[in-house]
Each structure stands twice: as structure tokens, then as C-alpha cells.
Protein backbone atom coordinates (compact mmCIF):
# COMPACT_ATOMS: atom_id res chain seq x y z
CA MET A 1 0.00 0.00 0.00
CA ASN A 2 1.28 3.43 -0.96
CA ILE A 3 1.00 5.67 2.12
CA VAL A 4 1.68 9.37 1.66
CA THR A 5 -0.21 11.28 4.34
CA PRO A 6 -0.33 14.62 2.45
CA ASP A 7 -1.88 12.87 -0.56
CA LEU A 8 -4.31 10.99 1.68
CA CYS A 9 -5.32 14.31 3.29
CA ASP A 10 -5.91 15.82 -0.16
CA GLU A 11 -7.94 12.83 -1.34
CA PHE A 12 -9.86 12.39 1.93
CA PRO A 13 -10.27 15.83 3.60
CA GLU A 14 -12.41 14.33 6.39
CA VAL A 15 -9.42 12.55 8.01
CA LYS A 16 -8.26 13.70 11.43
CA VAL A 17 -4.69 15.01 11.54
CA VAL A 18 -2.73 14.31 14.71
CA GLU A 19 -0.86 17.31 16.10
CA PRO A 20 2.88 17.13 15.31
CA GLY A 21 5.53 15.94 17.74
CA PHE A 22 6.27 12.33 16.77
CA ASN A 23 9.52 10.98 15.34
CA ASN A 24 9.89 8.07 12.92
CA TYR A 25 12.21 5.32 14.26
CA GLY A 26 11.40 2.04 12.49
CA ALA A 27 12.87 0.75 9.23
CA ILE A 28 9.45 1.11 7.60
CA LYS A 29 8.91 4.86 7.31
CA ALA A 30 5.31 4.81 5.99
CA PHE A 31 2.73 2.46 7.48
CA GLY A 32 -0.93 2.16 8.30
CA GLY A 33 -3.73 -0.18 9.17
CA GLU A 34 -6.57 -0.95 11.52
CA MET A 35 -5.99 0.38 15.01
CA VAL A 36 -5.53 -1.54 18.25
CA THR A 37 -5.18 0.73 21.29
CA VAL A 38 -3.31 0.32 24.55
CA LYS A 39 -3.48 2.72 27.50
CA CYS A 40 -0.64 2.31 29.97
CA PHE A 41 1.72 4.43 32.05
CA GLU A 42 5.34 3.39 32.56
CA ASP A 43 4.32 -0.29 32.33
CA ASN A 44 4.47 -2.02 28.94
CA SER A 45 2.94 -5.35 30.06
CA VAL A 46 -0.03 -5.03 27.66
CA VAL A 47 2.26 -3.98 24.79
CA LYS A 48 4.38 -7.08 25.43
CA GLU A 49 1.27 -9.31 25.39
CA GLN A 50 -0.03 -7.77 22.16
CA VAL A 51 3.18 -8.01 20.12
CA GLY A 52 3.17 -11.74 20.89
CA LEU A 53 -0.17 -12.09 19.07
CA PRO A 54 -0.79 -12.03 15.30
CA GLY A 55 -0.77 -8.41 14.15
CA GLU A 56 -2.51 -9.08 10.83
CA GLY A 57 -1.24 -5.78 9.41
CA ARG A 58 -2.70 -3.70 12.23
CA VAL A 59 -1.14 -0.71 14.01
CA MET A 60 -0.86 -0.55 17.78
CA VAL A 61 -1.50 2.94 19.19
CA VAL A 62 -0.09 3.21 22.70
CA ASP A 63 -1.11 6.03 25.04
CA GLY A 64 1.77 6.11 27.47
CA GLY A 65 0.67 9.40 28.98
CA GLY A 66 3.56 11.18 27.26
CA SER A 67 5.99 9.88 29.88
CA LYS A 68 9.66 10.33 29.08
CA ARG A 69 10.88 8.41 32.13
CA ALA A 70 10.68 4.85 30.78
CA ALA A 71 10.56 3.24 27.32
CA LEU A 72 7.40 1.39 26.32
CA LEU A 73 9.11 -0.37 23.38
CA GLY A 74 12.57 -1.84 22.94
CA ASP A 75 14.34 -3.96 20.33
CA MET A 76 13.03 -7.35 21.48
CA LEU A 77 9.36 -6.30 21.48
CA ALA A 78 9.78 -4.48 18.15
CA GLU A 79 11.30 -7.59 16.57
CA LYS A 80 8.49 -9.75 17.97
CA ALA A 81 5.90 -7.31 16.56
CA ALA A 82 7.55 -7.42 13.12
CA ASP A 83 7.77 -11.23 13.21
CA ASN A 84 4.06 -11.44 14.13
CA GLY A 85 2.85 -9.23 11.30
CA TRP A 86 2.17 -5.88 12.97
CA ALA A 87 2.41 -2.98 10.50
CA GLY A 88 3.54 -0.52 13.12
CA ILE A 89 3.41 0.93 16.61
CA ILE A 90 2.73 4.57 17.51
CA ILE A 91 3.70 5.50 21.06
CA TYR A 92 2.69 8.59 22.99
CA GLY A 93 5.81 8.11 25.09
CA CYS A 94 9.35 6.84 24.56
CA ILE A 95 11.22 3.90 23.05
CA ARG A 96 14.76 2.59 23.47
CA ASP A 97 17.23 0.48 21.44
CA VAL A 98 16.73 2.89 18.54
CA ASP A 99 19.63 1.60 16.42
CA VAL A 100 18.19 -1.92 16.30
CA ILE A 101 14.61 -0.66 15.88
CA GLY A 102 15.86 1.43 12.95
CA GLU A 103 16.75 -1.83 11.18
CA THR A 104 13.58 -3.70 12.20
CA GLN A 105 10.91 -4.17 9.50
CA LEU A 106 8.27 -2.32 11.47
CA GLY A 107 6.84 1.18 11.45
CA VAL A 108 7.57 2.89 14.77
CA GLN A 109 6.75 6.44 15.80
CA ALA A 110 7.22 7.86 19.29
CA LEU A 111 7.82 11.14 21.06
CA ASP A 112 11.42 10.46 22.03
CA THR A 113 13.95 7.95 23.34
CA VAL A 114 15.09 7.02 26.84
CA PRO A 115 17.32 4.10 27.91
CA ARG A 116 15.30 3.00 30.99
CA LYS A 117 12.84 0.10 30.65
CA THR A 118 9.46 -0.03 32.37
CA GLU A 119 8.50 -2.07 35.38
CA LYS A 120 6.14 -4.95 34.57
CA ARG A 121 3.16 -4.63 36.92
CA GLY A 122 0.49 -6.01 34.59
CA ILE A 123 -1.27 -2.63 34.46
CA GLY A 124 -2.88 -1.29 31.29
CA ASP A 125 -6.06 -1.26 29.21
CA LEU A 126 -6.59 -2.80 25.79
CA ASN A 127 -8.88 -1.47 23.04
CA VAL A 128 -10.25 1.57 24.83
CA PRO A 129 -10.50 5.00 23.16
CA VAL A 130 -7.39 7.07 23.94
CA THR A 131 -6.76 10.76 23.40
CA PHE A 132 -3.50 12.60 22.81
CA HIS A 133 -2.11 15.29 20.52
CA GLY A 134 -5.59 16.64 19.84
CA THR A 135 -6.99 13.36 18.51
CA ILE A 136 -9.24 10.58 19.80
CA PHE A 137 -8.00 7.15 18.70
CA VAL A 138 -10.80 4.57 18.58
CA PRO A 139 -10.06 0.83 18.26
CA GLY A 140 -11.16 -0.46 14.87
CA GLN A 141 -10.55 2.86 13.11
CA TYR A 142 -7.55 3.28 10.81
CA VAL A 143 -4.30 5.14 11.34
CA TYR A 144 -1.65 6.08 8.77
CA ALA A 145 1.82 7.49 9.48
CA ASP A 146 4.86 8.66 7.55
CA ASN A 147 7.57 11.31 7.85
CA ASN A 148 4.91 14.01 7.28
CA GLY A 149 2.73 13.05 10.24
CA ILE A 150 -0.09 10.84 11.45
CA ILE A 151 -3.72 10.76 10.30
CA VAL A 152 -6.80 8.87 11.51
CA SER A 153 -9.78 7.68 9.48
CA GLU A 154 -13.00 5.86 10.28
CA LYS A 155 -12.52 3.71 7.16
CA PRO A 156 -9.57 2.17 5.29
CA LEU A 157 -7.96 4.57 2.82
CA SER A 158 -6.09 4.01 -0.42
CA LEU A 159 -4.78 6.27 -3.13
CA PRO A 160 -5.66 5.81 -6.79
CA GLU A 161 -2.89 4.10 -8.74
């Protein structure tokens, strides 16, 4: 699928545009798919569970509360997500192991990087609406991301060939 968010915005003006502030870290720079949401704070237990399941081309949107104290994704979870068919992960928070993630066949966007991992306390919510950067992310909707930004749609989008 050819994902160019400016072209998608031109073709589908009803899409929601996420406020800027995310950086692209994965080897796949443009990605999109049906959304799975995770809400967690400095505990990536639910993220770890989800990357172990078949991704089926979906995108995990993680509301980490914007915390920059602990990374919600590292190289091992990113590799597992890629191996299990996730298209990408968008994190309102931080990641670590950026050099390895940069070579992993997965789309990854996050606010920043930090070397500290999270504590595993088994805390977090799966597939609940989450809100950050001026946008409500609803499980089952679609999200698309590239170096230009992130957009959200209620339906799958594609550009004419």
C-alpha cells in the first residue's frame, strides 16, 4: 500500500490530523492499518502481550501518557511485533534500542527515546479510546503514518494508482 499522508489528506479531507511531535524510528517509514489501542503508564505489560499475538497488518496505538521516564518499546518487542505481522506501533511516550529498531521491518513512531525500561506490573487497558495530541483514537478505526505526520480515518484509505 502506498502511504503518503499529504496525498491521503488531499484525497480524503475528512481525516483527522494528529498534532505534530512524533519521530519516525522504524525501518518502515510509511505504514498504516486498523488500530488496536493500549493505555498504559510506565508499564508495557499489555504492549508485550499484544506483540506476541498475530498483528494481521494492524497498528498498535499506545497512550503512554507522554511519559519520558521509561521506554514502552525496545528492540526485542519491536522484533516480535515485526515477526508477528504488525504494520507498526505509535507511542505517545518513549522507546529505546533505537539503532536496532531502525533496522527492524516495522513502522515505529514515538515522542522520544530514553534508555530506561518499564516495570512490569500487569497494568494497562486494551482497546479503549485514547486521546493525545488533539486526537481521539478509537479501536477499529484506521491510522496512517509517515515522515509528514499521522492521520486517523474511520474507514480504510487508499490512493488511486
